[in-house]
Amino acid sequence: MAGNGLWAGPIRLRDSVLSIVRCVAFMKRILSHSILALAAGLGLRLFFILKYPASNSGDIPLYEQLATNWLQHHLYAITIDDALTPVDVRMPGYPAFLAIVYAVTRRVGADARFFVMLAQAAVDLCSCLLTASLAALLGLLRPNPQCWRRVFIVTLWLAALCPFTANYTATPLTEVFAGFFTAAALVALLALIWHAVGGQSVPLAKGWASRHAESLLALAAGFLIGMGTLFRPETPLLLVVAWILLALLWLRKRRLLFGLQLLALTAAGCAVALSPWVLRNAKTLHEVQFLAPKYLNLPGEFVPLGFMAWEKTWLYRFSDCYLVPWKLNGEVINVEDIPQRAFDTPEEKERVGALLEQYNNDVTLNPEEDVAFGELARERTTRHPLRTYLWLPVARGFTMWFTPRIELLPFSGQVFPLKESWREDPVDLSVTIGFFVLNVLCAALAICGVWRLGRESSVLWPATGLLLAFILLRTAFLTTLETPEPRYVLECFPALLALAGQFFARCSKPEPEEKRSGLSGYLSSTGSG
């Protein structure tokens, strides 16, 4: 009896440990299923749709009006002075999607928003699969290609449970579709890189398709970029990155002519997708217009270039957009609401106050007032050129990337003073800080993923460079805009999450380059391709 009592404790401990191990193994098997990840992602998106549907963006009524007129009157137009007027103020992709939903549901505008959001949730889940596929392709290029399965499922969970992209399924805006086509185009471009660094065939491609895989992928990538452009006009930035990278890759392989052929095919694919829009503009508006106008203005509408130039000398925070630019030509703008960094001297603040006093009389900026703001912008830039051309763009980029991303949620985002914010609304503060930390964590995981890829093999750099160059170029372009909206970088999240997923791969220690070079060594050792 004494002996049994002596061993009872260790036996119970052993049984407890075994139970924990079995539980962990069971959870691992469960979590390794893609269906469960997609189901969890669907639940998150339905939560946002049902709990926090957002319709406060100024673009939503415009998109809905374009879609309604397109469906009911067969005109891509808006109502101006009680007359339907054809316009090119927005790209036609999202209004076309809305028009399809309206036709299917026989509802328009606000009555159809719930169905629009459900459709967007389905598209966004497809984006999650594409993001995971993008990460898996990167995994296949690693020294231990068998890690692709783990990378795929981990990235799928990251994408499915990412609240920043899931949140935008609950609002009628273009981000869901722009992200989908960006992810699809990146998959096609990464498959092209597969060929350039040693891959010999595309999975499921045989015969003629296998022999012409590079050309087909180039054409498909260009077409997908063109489709994305129909939703967001800056999507061709990805095409620029692809051109540079493909030219360098095929130049290194001493097949520049073939590389130029691939570049031409990507351009042709993009042109095919945009051709209906270009032909419509040429026929209806008598202009050759591939994109929406740079300043999204109506024909003949006055563009306040001087005012926007002045904003670029001080504005970098998203919250400031509500105080000044989004009030222009519609609401009174008070000089006391403008941050102090907008004024270098008290005299300058007086000049701005005098101009705004004139503007507030009729809440319309006239050309003379705009010229005066332009002069202020030139003076501020002359005094501090680095502020305008370097520090403020960097600050805008930081703002767009490292933000709580709660602009669609009913939370203030107020953190400081910390004690006061906690006392007034602890839930608001907790959500704000939690989302900020999660956002930083996503970026940190991506950086760690890049670090791991860089250490393993030089063959990975073209693929990694594609994703990094796209993120950096798009961010650099967005910093030139006067309104740094955090949603503008969401199109980078497929690349960001695909890189983040690499951090979780269990890859073997890389072999010396002379013995093996990533995918090439793997293919040769297995007899593939």
Protein backbone atom coordinates (compact mmCIF):
# COMPACT_ATOMS: atom_id res chain seq x y z
CA MET A 1 0.00 0.00 0.00
CA ALA A 2 2.82 2.34 0.87
CA GLY A 3 4.52 1.57 -2.43
CA ASN A 4 1.37 2.36 -4.37
CA GLY A 5 1.09 5.67 -2.58
CA LEU A 6 4.70 6.47 -3.38
CA TRP A 7 4.18 6.11 -7.13
CA ALA A 8 0.71 7.62 -7.35
CA GLY A 9 1.99 11.17 -7.75
CA PRO A 10 4.42 10.50 -10.68
CA ILE A 11 1.81 8.33 -12.41
CA ARG A 12 -0.81 11.06 -12.22
CA LEU A 13 1.77 13.57 -13.51
CA ARG A 14 2.65 11.25 -16.40
CA ASP A 15 -1.03 10.79 -17.27
CA SER A 16 -1.57 14.55 -17.18
CA VAL A 17 1.37 15.18 -19.48
CA LEU A 18 0.18 12.50 -21.91
CA SER A 19 -3.30 14.02 -21.90
CA ILE A 20 -1.86 17.43 -22.71
CA VAL A 21 0.27 15.96 -25.51
CA ARG A 22 -2.74 14.16 -26.98
CA CYS A 23 -4.81 17.34 -26.74
CA VAL A 24 -2.10 19.37 -28.49
CA ALA A 25 -1.77 16.74 -31.21
CA PHE A 26 -5.54 16.70 -31.69
CA MET A 27 -5.68 20.49 -31.92
CA LYS A 28 -2.80 20.45 -34.38
CA ARG A 29 -4.69 18.03 -36.63
CA ILE A 30 -7.83 20.13 -36.40
CA LEU A 31 -6.06 23.42 -37.11
CA SER A 32 -4.27 21.93 -40.10
CA HIS A 33 -7.52 21.82 -42.08
CA SER A 34 -8.09 24.67 -44.55
CA ILE A 35 -11.87 24.40 -44.20
CA LEU A 36 -11.69 25.26 -40.51
CA ALA A 37 -9.53 28.33 -41.24
CA LEU A 38 -11.99 29.51 -43.89
CA ALA A 39 -14.92 28.88 -41.54
CA ALA A 40 -13.24 30.96 -38.84
CA GLY A 41 -12.56 33.67 -41.41
CA LEU A 42 -16.19 33.64 -42.51
CA GLY A 43 -17.30 33.96 -38.90
CA LEU A 44 -15.05 36.99 -38.39
CA ARG A 45 -16.37 38.68 -41.52
CA LEU A 46 -19.98 37.99 -40.59
CA PHE A 47 -19.26 39.48 -37.17
CA PHE A 48 -18.12 42.74 -38.76
CA ILE A 49 -21.01 42.72 -41.25
CA LEU A 50 -23.68 42.16 -38.61
CA LYS A 51 -22.15 44.12 -35.74
CA TYR A 52 -20.22 46.97 -37.40
CA PRO A 53 -21.51 47.65 -40.92
CA ALA A 54 -19.94 50.91 -42.12
CA SER A 55 -21.47 53.36 -44.59
CA ASN A 56 -19.96 56.69 -43.57
CA SER A 57 -17.46 57.03 -46.40
CA GLY A 58 -18.11 59.85 -48.85
CA ASP A 59 -17.32 57.52 -51.78
CA ILE A 60 -20.17 55.11 -51.07
CA PRO A 61 -23.07 57.28 -52.36
CA LEU A 62 -21.09 58.02 -55.52
CA TYR A 63 -20.41 54.34 -56.23
CA GLU A 64 -24.04 53.46 -55.56
CA GLN A 65 -25.32 56.22 -57.82
CA LEU A 66 -23.01 55.15 -60.66
CA ALA A 67 -24.13 51.52 -60.28
CA THR A 68 -27.83 52.41 -60.14
CA ASN A 69 -27.70 54.65 -63.22
CA TRP A 70 -25.65 52.04 -65.06
CA LEU A 71 -28.22 49.36 -64.32
CA GLN A 72 -31.39 51.38 -64.79
CA HIS A 73 -30.37 53.83 -67.52
CA HIS A 74 -27.44 51.98 -69.12
CA LEU A 75 -25.23 55.00 -68.57
CA TYR A 76 -22.08 55.29 -66.47
CA ALA A 77 -23.19 58.64 -65.15
CA ILE A 78 -24.19 60.70 -62.14
CA THR A 79 -26.92 63.31 -61.74
CA ILE A 80 -25.67 66.88 -62.15
CA ASP A 81 -28.24 69.70 -62.21
CA ASP A 82 -31.07 67.14 -62.54
CA ALA A 83 -29.50 65.62 -65.64
CA LEU A 84 -27.58 62.36 -66.11
CA THR A 85 -24.02 63.27 -67.00
CA PRO A 86 -21.47 60.65 -68.18
CA VAL A 87 -18.28 60.84 -66.07
CA ASP A 88 -14.95 59.12 -65.53
CA VAL A 89 -14.53 60.30 -61.95
CA ARG A 90 -14.17 56.72 -60.63
CA MET A 91 -12.91 53.50 -62.18
CA PRO A 92 -15.81 51.27 -63.31
CA GLY A 93 -14.91 47.98 -61.59
CA TYR A 94 -16.68 48.49 -58.29
CA PRO A 95 -19.82 50.11 -59.77
CA ALA A 96 -19.99 47.13 -62.15
CA PHE A 97 -19.89 44.74 -59.18
CA LEU A 98 -22.62 46.73 -57.42
CA ALA A 99 -24.74 46.74 -60.57
CA ILE A 100 -24.48 42.92 -60.77
CA VAL A 101 -25.56 42.56 -57.13
CA TYR A 102 -28.42 45.01 -57.73
CA ALA A 103 -29.57 43.02 -60.76
CA VAL A 104 -29.47 39.71 -58.90
CA THR A 105 -31.14 40.93 -55.69
CA ARG A 106 -33.47 43.45 -57.38
CA ARG A 107 -32.48 45.98 -54.75
CA VAL A 108 -30.36 49.10 -55.07
CA GLY A 109 -28.41 51.45 -52.81
CA ALA A 110 -28.71 51.01 -49.07
CA ASP A 111 -31.30 48.22 -49.47
CA ALA A 112 -28.71 46.02 -51.19
CA ARG A 113 -25.73 46.71 -48.92
CA PHE A 114 -26.13 43.55 -46.86
CA PHE A 115 -25.95 41.40 -50.01
CA VAL A 116 -22.99 43.45 -51.24
CA MET A 117 -21.16 42.75 -48.00
CA LEU A 118 -21.91 39.02 -48.15
CA ALA A 119 -20.50 38.86 -51.67
CA GLN A 120 -17.44 40.79 -50.53
CA ALA A 121 -16.93 38.32 -47.68
CA ALA A 122 -16.83 35.47 -50.21
CA VAL A 123 -14.35 37.34 -52.40
CA ASP A 124 -12.16 38.15 -49.41
CA LEU A 125 -12.02 34.49 -48.40
CA CYS A 126 -10.81 33.73 -51.92
CA SER A 127 -8.14 36.39 -51.32
CA CYS A 128 -7.10 34.47 -48.20
CA LEU A 129 -6.58 31.34 -50.30
CA LEU A 130 -4.56 33.31 -52.84
CA THR A 131 -2.44 34.82 -50.07
CA ALA A 132 -1.77 31.36 -48.66
CA SER A 133 -0.91 30.11 -52.17
CA LEU A 134 1.51 33.00 -52.55
CA ALA A 135 3.20 31.99 -49.30
CA ALA A 136 3.27 28.34 -50.40
CA LEU A 137 5.04 29.30 -53.64
CA LEU A 138 7.66 31.07 -51.57
CA GLY A 139 7.93 27.94 -49.45
CA LEU A 140 8.54 25.82 -52.56
CA LEU A 141 11.49 28.03 -53.43
CA ARG A 142 13.14 27.39 -50.05
CA PRO A 143 15.96 24.85 -49.55
CA ASN A 144 13.43 22.50 -47.94
CA PRO A 145 10.38 22.77 -50.24
CA GLN A 146 8.36 20.35 -48.09
CA CYS A 147 7.72 23.24 -45.71
CA TRP A 148 5.16 24.67 -48.15
CA ARG A 149 2.27 22.80 -46.51
CA ARG A 150 2.92 24.30 -43.11
CA VAL A 151 3.47 27.74 -44.62
CA PHE A 152 0.22 27.47 -46.56
CA ILE A 153 -1.96 26.61 -43.57
CA VAL A 154 -0.30 29.11 -41.22
CA THR A 155 -0.66 31.92 -43.75
CA LEU A 156 -4.25 30.94 -44.43
CA TRP A 157 -5.02 31.32 -40.71
CA LEU A 158 -3.19 34.68 -40.62
CA ALA A 159 -5.15 35.97 -43.61
CA ALA A 160 -8.50 34.55 -42.50
CA LEU A 161 -8.24 36.06 -39.01
CA CYS A 162 -6.68 39.39 -40.05
CA PRO A 163 -9.24 41.94 -38.80
CA PHE A 164 -7.85 44.79 -40.91
CA THR A 165 -8.84 43.22 -44.23
CA ALA A 166 -11.90 41.40 -42.85
CA ASN A 167 -13.24 44.72 -41.56
CA TYR A 168 -13.50 46.14 -45.08
CA THR A 169 -15.93 43.45 -46.19
CA ALA A 170 -18.48 45.36 -44.08
CA THR A 171 -18.35 48.54 -46.16
CA PRO A 172 -19.11 49.17 -49.86
CA LEU A 173 -15.61 50.21 -50.94
CA THR A 174 -13.04 48.90 -53.42
CA GLU A 175 -10.46 47.45 -51.00
CA VAL A 176 -11.74 43.85 -51.08
CA PHE A 177 -11.55 43.52 -54.85
CA ALA A 178 -8.29 45.46 -55.14
CA GLY A 179 -6.74 43.05 -52.64
CA PHE A 180 -8.14 40.02 -54.47
CA PHE A 181 -6.72 40.98 -57.86
CA THR A 182 -3.42 42.08 -56.33
CA ALA A 183 -3.03 38.69 -54.62
CA ALA A 184 -3.93 36.84 -57.83
CA ALA A 185 -1.47 38.89 -59.89
CA LEU A 186 1.30 38.29 -57.32
CA VAL A 187 0.69 34.53 -57.52
CA ALA A 188 1.06 34.65 -61.32
CA LEU A 189 4.21 36.78 -61.10
CA LEU A 190 5.76 34.52 -58.47
CA ALA A 191 5.05 31.53 -60.72
CA LEU A 192 6.98 33.38 -63.44
CA ILE A 193 9.89 33.74 -61.04
CA TRP A 194 9.59 29.99 -60.36
CA HIS A 195 10.60 29.45 -63.99
CA ALA A 196 13.35 32.06 -63.93
CA VAL A 197 15.12 30.51 -60.92
CA GLY A 198 14.93 26.85 -61.92
CA GLY A 199 11.36 25.56 -62.07
CA GLN A 200 10.50 23.79 -65.30
CA SER A 201 6.75 23.51 -65.25
CA VAL A 202 3.62 24.79 -63.62
CA PRO A 203 1.56 22.27 -61.61
CA LEU A 204 -1.29 20.81 -63.70
CA ALA A 205 0.22 22.30 -66.90
CA LYS A 206 1.01 19.76 -69.61
CA GLY A 207 1.80 19.74 -73.28
CA TRP A 208 1.43 23.06 -75.06
CA ALA A 209 0.54 24.88 -71.84
CA SER A 210 3.73 23.63 -70.19
CA ARG A 211 5.90 24.70 -73.12
CA HIS A 212 4.41 28.20 -73.12
CA ALA A 213 3.91 28.54 -69.37
CA GLU A 214 6.00 31.72 -69.03
CA SER A 215 4.05 33.51 -71.77
CA LEU A 216 0.69 32.42 -70.38
CA LEU A 217 1.66 33.50 -66.85
CA ALA A 218 2.89 36.87 -68.10
CA LEU A 219 -0.35 37.43 -69.99
CA ALA A 220 -2.43 36.34 -66.99
CA ALA A 221 -0.47 38.56 -64.59
CA GLY A 222 -0.96 41.58 -66.83
CA PHE A 223 -4.68 40.85 -67.20
CA LEU A 224 -5.13 40.49 -63.44
CA ILE A 225 -3.28 43.77 -62.85
CA GLY A 226 -5.58 45.39 -65.41
CA MET A 227 -8.63 44.01 -63.62
CA GLY A 228 -7.31 45.38 -60.35
CA THR A 229 -6.81 48.75 -62.05
CA LEU A 230 -10.53 48.82 -62.81
CA PHE A 231 -11.01 49.02 -59.03
CA ARG A 232 -7.96 51.03 -57.88
CA PRO A 233 -6.15 53.24 -60.45
CA GLU A 234 -2.73 52.89 -58.76
CA THR A 235 -2.64 49.09 -59.26
CA PRO A 236 -0.27 49.37 -62.29
CA LEU A 237 2.49 50.12 -59.77
CA LEU A 238 2.71 46.33 -59.47
CA LEU A 239 3.25 46.17 -63.23
CA VAL A 240 6.20 48.57 -62.93
CA VAL A 241 7.77 46.38 -60.22
CA ALA A 242 7.24 43.26 -62.36
CA TRP A 243 8.83 44.89 -65.42
CA ILE A 244 11.97 45.88 -63.52
CA LEU A 245 12.38 42.51 -61.82
CA LEU A 246 11.68 40.39 -64.91
CA ALA A 247 14.05 42.50 -67.01
CA LEU A 248 16.83 42.00 -64.47
CA LEU A 249 16.18 38.26 -64.14
CA TRP A 250 16.20 37.51 -67.85
CA LEU A 251 19.10 39.88 -68.47
CA ARG A 252 21.10 37.86 -65.96
CA LYS A 253 20.12 34.69 -67.82
CA ARG A 254 21.29 36.37 -71.06
CA ARG A 255 17.81 36.08 -72.56
CA LEU A 256 16.90 39.75 -72.63
CA LEU A 257 14.84 39.41 -75.81
CA PHE A 258 12.68 36.74 -74.22
CA GLY A 259 12.37 38.88 -71.10
CA LEU A 260 11.20 41.82 -73.22
CA GLN A 261 8.64 39.51 -74.81
CA LEU A 262 7.27 38.66 -71.37
CA LEU A 263 7.12 42.36 -70.48
CA ALA A 264 5.17 43.04 -73.66
CA LEU A 265 2.74 40.24 -72.80
CA THR A 266 2.10 41.68 -69.33
CA ALA A 267 1.41 45.07 -70.91
CA ALA A 268 -0.89 43.45 -73.47
CA GLY A 269 -2.82 41.60 -70.77
CA CYS A 270 -3.29 44.82 -68.81
CA ALA A 271 -4.41 46.65 -71.96
CA VAL A 272 -6.98 43.95 -72.75
CA ALA A 273 -8.57 44.34 -69.31
CA LEU A 274 -8.67 48.14 -69.62
CA SER A 275 -9.74 48.32 -73.26
CA PRO A 276 -13.55 48.48 -72.66
CA TRP A 277 -13.04 51.41 -70.28
CA VAL A 278 -10.71 53.19 -72.72
CA LEU A 279 -13.10 52.69 -75.64
CA ARG A 280 -16.03 53.94 -73.58
CA ASN A 281 -14.16 57.11 -72.63
CA ALA A 282 -13.10 57.71 -76.22
CA LYS A 283 -16.64 57.27 -77.52
CA THR A 284 -18.60 59.01 -74.74
CA LEU A 285 -16.20 61.63 -73.38
CA HIS A 286 -14.05 62.06 -76.52
CA GLU A 287 -10.82 61.49 -74.61
CA VAL A 288 -8.28 58.71 -74.35
CA GLN A 289 -8.41 57.99 -70.62
CA PHE A 290 -6.94 54.75 -69.20
CA LEU A 291 -7.43 55.71 -65.55
CA ALA A 292 -9.66 57.97 -63.51
CA PRO A 293 -8.55 61.64 -63.37
CA LYS A 294 -5.61 62.20 -61.03
CA TYR A 295 -7.63 64.41 -58.68
CA LEU A 296 -10.94 62.52 -59.23
CA ASN A 297 -12.54 65.73 -60.50
CA LEU A 298 -15.50 66.13 -62.79
CA PRO A 299 -14.96 67.62 -66.27
CA GLY A 300 -14.42 71.36 -65.87
CA GLU A 301 -14.35 71.15 -62.08
CA PHE A 302 -11.88 73.48 -60.34
CA VAL A 303 -8.97 71.62 -58.70
CA PRO A 304 -7.50 73.45 -55.65
CA LEU A 305 -3.87 72.63 -56.39
CA GLY A 306 -2.55 75.48 -54.24
CA PHE A 307 -4.59 74.40 -51.22
CA MET A 308 -3.46 70.78 -51.62
CA ALA A 309 0.16 71.89 -51.93
CA TRP A 310 -0.22 73.81 -48.65
CA GLU A 311 -1.70 70.73 -46.95
CA LYS A 312 1.30 68.67 -48.00
CA THR A 313 3.59 70.96 -46.03
CA TRP A 314 2.08 69.94 -42.69
CA LEU A 315 -0.58 67.19 -42.91
CA TYR A 316 0.41 63.60 -42.14
CA ARG A 317 -2.12 62.35 -39.58
CA PHE A 318 -5.32 60.68 -40.73
CA SER A 319 -7.38 62.50 -38.08
CA ASP A 320 -6.39 65.85 -39.62
CA CYS A 321 -8.23 64.91 -42.82
CA TYR A 322 -11.53 65.37 -40.99
CA LEU A 323 -10.52 68.87 -39.84
CA VAL A 324 -9.42 70.42 -43.13
CA PRO A 325 -9.34 68.62 -46.53
CA TRP A 326 -12.61 66.73 -46.16
CA LYS A 327 -14.40 69.92 -45.15
CA LEU A 328 -13.24 71.88 -48.19
CA ASN A 329 -16.06 73.25 -50.36
CA GLY A 330 -18.74 72.00 -48.03
CA GLU A 331 -18.12 73.03 -44.43
CA VAL A 332 -16.63 75.86 -42.42
CA ILE A 333 -12.92 75.43 -41.63
CA ASN A 334 -11.73 77.03 -38.39
CA VAL A 335 -8.11 78.07 -38.11
CA GLU A 336 -8.06 76.98 -34.46
CA ASP A 337 -8.83 73.40 -35.53
CA ILE A 338 -5.67 73.24 -37.62
CA PRO A 339 -2.60 71.78 -35.82
CA GLN A 340 0.08 74.24 -34.79
CA ARG A 341 2.64 72.52 -37.04
CA ALA A 342 0.83 74.09 -40.01
CA PHE A 343 2.22 77.49 -39.03
CA ASP A 344 5.87 78.45 -38.79
CA THR A 345 5.15 81.90 -37.32
CA PRO A 346 2.22 83.78 -35.76
CA GLU A 347 2.11 85.96 -38.87
CA GLU A 348 1.63 82.90 -41.04
CA LYS A 349 -1.28 81.77 -38.86
CA GLU A 350 -2.87 85.20 -39.28
CA ARG A 351 -2.57 84.92 -43.07
CA VAL A 352 -4.21 81.50 -43.04
CA GLY A 353 -6.93 82.78 -40.71
CA ALA A 354 -7.66 85.69 -43.06
CA LEU A 355 -7.92 83.37 -46.07
CA LEU A 356 -10.20 80.95 -44.23
CA GLU A 357 -12.39 83.87 -43.11
CA GLN A 358 -12.96 84.73 -46.76
CA TYR A 359 -13.55 81.07 -47.61
CA ASN A 360 -16.09 80.64 -44.78
CA ASN A 361 -18.31 83.36 -46.20
CA ASP A 362 -19.61 81.04 -48.92
CA VAL A 363 -17.81 77.78 -48.00
CA THR A 364 -16.26 77.66 -51.46
CA LEU A 365 -12.58 78.08 -52.30
CA ASN A 366 -12.14 80.44 -55.24
CA PRO A 367 -9.08 80.56 -57.54
CA GLU A 368 -7.67 83.70 -55.86
CA GLU A 369 -7.74 82.07 -52.43
CA ASP A 370 -6.21 78.92 -53.90
CA VAL A 371 -3.33 80.94 -55.37
CA ALA A 372 -2.71 82.49 -51.95
CA PHE A 373 -2.52 79.04 -50.34
CA GLY A 374 -0.15 77.96 -53.10
CA GLU A 375 2.13 80.90 -52.24
CA LEU A 376 2.09 79.85 -48.59
CA ALA A 377 3.08 76.31 -49.67
CA ARG A 378 6.03 77.62 -51.69
CA GLU A 379 7.25 79.75 -48.81
CA ARG A 380 7.04 76.89 -46.32
CA THR A 381 8.81 74.53 -48.71
CA THR A 382 11.57 77.06 -49.37
CA ARG A 383 12.19 77.45 -45.64
CA HIS A 384 12.15 73.71 -44.91
CA PRO A 385 12.51 71.62 -48.11
CA LEU A 386 13.40 68.44 -46.20
CA ARG A 387 10.23 68.75 -44.18
CA THR A 388 8.06 68.80 -47.30
CA TYR A 389 9.94 66.29 -49.42
CA LEU A 390 11.33 63.86 -46.84
CA TRP A 391 10.14 64.03 -43.24
CA LEU A 392 6.43 64.50 -43.92
CA PRO A 393 6.26 61.74 -46.58
CA VAL A 394 8.03 59.41 -44.13
CA ALA A 395 5.53 60.42 -41.44
CA ARG A 396 2.62 59.73 -43.81
CA GLY A 397 4.02 56.30 -44.59
CA PHE A 398 4.42 55.56 -40.89
CA THR A 399 0.86 56.76 -40.25
CA MET A 400 -0.61 54.55 -42.96
CA TRP A 401 1.24 51.45 -41.78
CA PHE A 402 1.39 51.78 -38.00
CA THR A 403 -2.11 52.74 -37.03
CA PRO A 404 -4.82 50.94 -35.02
CA ARG A 405 -6.95 50.72 -38.21
CA ILE A 406 -10.21 51.36 -36.41
CA GLU A 407 -11.51 53.97 -38.86
CA LEU A 408 -14.57 51.80 -39.65
CA LEU A 409 -15.27 50.91 -36.02
CA PRO A 410 -17.11 52.97 -33.38
CA PHE A 411 -13.95 53.67 -31.37
CA SER A 412 -12.22 57.01 -30.98
CA GLY A 413 -8.63 55.82 -31.22
CA GLN A 414 -7.73 58.22 -28.41
CA VAL A 415 -4.81 56.98 -26.30
CA PHE A 416 -3.19 59.98 -24.65
CA PRO A 417 -3.35 61.05 -21.91
CA LEU A 418 -3.37 57.38 -20.98
CA LYS A 419 -4.94 57.62 -17.52
CA GLU A 420 -7.71 59.90 -18.67
CA SER A 421 -8.50 57.73 -21.70
CA TRP A 422 -8.68 54.64 -19.49
CA ARG A 423 -10.93 56.38 -16.99
CA GLU A 424 -13.33 57.66 -19.65
CA ASP A 425 -13.62 54.47 -21.73
CA PRO A 426 -11.43 51.45 -20.94
CA VAL A 427 -12.99 49.36 -23.73
CA ASP A 428 -12.21 52.03 -26.33
CA LEU A 429 -8.60 52.28 -25.14
CA SER A 430 -8.15 48.50 -24.95
CA VAL A 431 -9.42 47.95 -28.50
CA THR A 432 -7.28 50.80 -29.84
CA ILE A 433 -4.09 49.53 -28.21
CA GLY A 434 -4.91 45.92 -29.10
CA PHE A 435 -5.40 46.71 -32.78
CA PHE A 436 -2.23 48.80 -32.82
CA VAL A 437 -0.17 45.97 -31.28
CA LEU A 438 -1.69 43.47 -33.72
CA ASN A 439 -0.83 45.72 -36.64
CA VAL A 440 2.77 46.08 -35.45
CA LEU A 441 2.94 42.30 -34.93
CA CYS A 442 1.93 41.67 -38.56
CA ALA A 443 4.70 43.96 -39.80
CA ALA A 444 7.24 42.43 -37.39
CA LEU A 445 6.41 38.89 -38.52
CA ALA A 446 6.84 39.93 -42.16
CA ILE A 447 10.26 41.43 -41.38
CA CYS A 448 11.27 38.24 -39.57
CA GLY A 449 10.03 36.21 -42.54
CA VAL A 450 12.18 38.27 -44.91
CA TRP A 451 15.15 37.76 -42.59
CA ARG A 452 14.70 33.98 -42.62
CA LEU A 453 14.34 33.89 -46.40
CA GLY A 454 17.44 36.02 -46.86
CA ARG A 455 19.53 33.68 -44.70
CA GLU A 456 18.51 30.48 -46.48
CA SER A 457 19.40 30.95 -50.14
CA SER A 458 20.13 33.62 -52.71
CA VAL A 459 17.60 31.97 -55.03
CA LEU A 460 14.87 33.38 -52.80
CA TRP A 461 15.81 37.01 -53.32
CA PRO A 462 13.99 37.56 -56.66
CA ALA A 463 10.72 36.28 -55.14
CA THR A 464 11.23 38.16 -51.89
CA GLY A 465 12.29 41.24 -53.84
CA LEU A 466 9.04 41.20 -55.82
CA LEU A 467 6.94 41.40 -52.66
CA LEU A 468 9.18 43.91 -50.89
CA ALA A 469 9.54 46.15 -53.93
CA PHE A 470 5.77 46.22 -54.40
CA ILE A 471 5.20 47.17 -50.75
CA LEU A 472 7.87 49.88 -50.82
CA LEU A 473 6.91 51.36 -54.19
CA ARG A 474 3.20 51.49 -53.36
CA THR A 475 3.94 53.05 -49.97
CA ALA A 476 6.26 55.63 -51.55
CA PHE A 477 3.55 56.56 -54.04
CA LEU A 478 0.89 56.87 -51.36
CA THR A 479 3.05 59.26 -49.34
CA THR A 480 2.69 61.79 -52.17
CA LEU A 481 -1.04 62.01 -51.49
CA GLU A 482 -2.27 64.74 -49.21
CA THR A 483 -4.71 62.46 -47.34
CA PRO A 484 -2.89 59.48 -45.74
CA GLU A 485 -5.77 57.01 -45.36
CA PRO A 486 -4.69 53.73 -43.72
CA ARG A 487 -6.90 51.72 -46.08
CA TYR A 488 -4.65 52.59 -49.02
CA VAL A 489 -1.99 50.08 -47.91
CA LEU A 490 -4.42 47.17 -47.48
CA GLU A 491 -3.59 46.07 -51.04
CA CYS A 492 -0.10 45.28 -49.70
CA PHE A 493 -1.41 42.85 -47.10
CA PRO A 494 -1.35 39.74 -49.35
CA ALA A 495 2.39 40.30 -49.80
CA LEU A 496 2.84 41.22 -46.13
CA LEU A 497 1.04 38.15 -44.79
CA ALA A 498 2.75 35.84 -47.28
CA LEU A 499 6.10 37.03 -45.92
CA ALA A 500 4.87 36.75 -42.33
CA GLY A 501 3.90 33.12 -42.90
CA GLN A 502 7.51 32.24 -43.77
CA PHE A 503 8.52 32.85 -40.17
CA PHE A 504 6.61 29.75 -39.04
CA ALA A 505 8.17 27.30 -41.50
CA ARG A 506 10.19 24.42 -40.11
CA CYS A 507 12.91 24.35 -42.69
CA SER A 508 16.08 22.36 -42.51
CA LYS A 509 19.44 24.03 -42.29
CA PRO A 510 20.37 25.31 -45.77
CA GLU A 511 23.08 23.46 -47.64
CA PRO A 512 26.05 25.22 -49.28
CA GLU A 513 25.21 27.04 -52.50
CA GLU A 514 27.69 24.97 -54.51
CA LYS A 515 25.82 21.78 -53.55
CA ARG A 516 22.29 23.06 -53.91
CA SER A 517 20.52 26.16 -55.01
CA GLY A 518 17.01 26.19 -53.67
CA LEU A 519 14.37 24.97 -56.09
CA SER A 520 16.86 24.02 -58.78
CA GLY A 521 18.57 21.51 -56.50
CA TYR A 522 15.25 20.19 -55.30
CA LEU A 523 13.92 19.64 -58.80
CA SER A 524 17.10 17.96 -59.97
CA SER A 525 17.24 15.70 -56.93
CA THR A 526 13.64 14.56 -57.31
CA GLY A 527 13.62 14.35 -61.08
CA SER A 528 10.77 16.86 -61.37
CA GLY A 529 10.31 19.03 -64.43
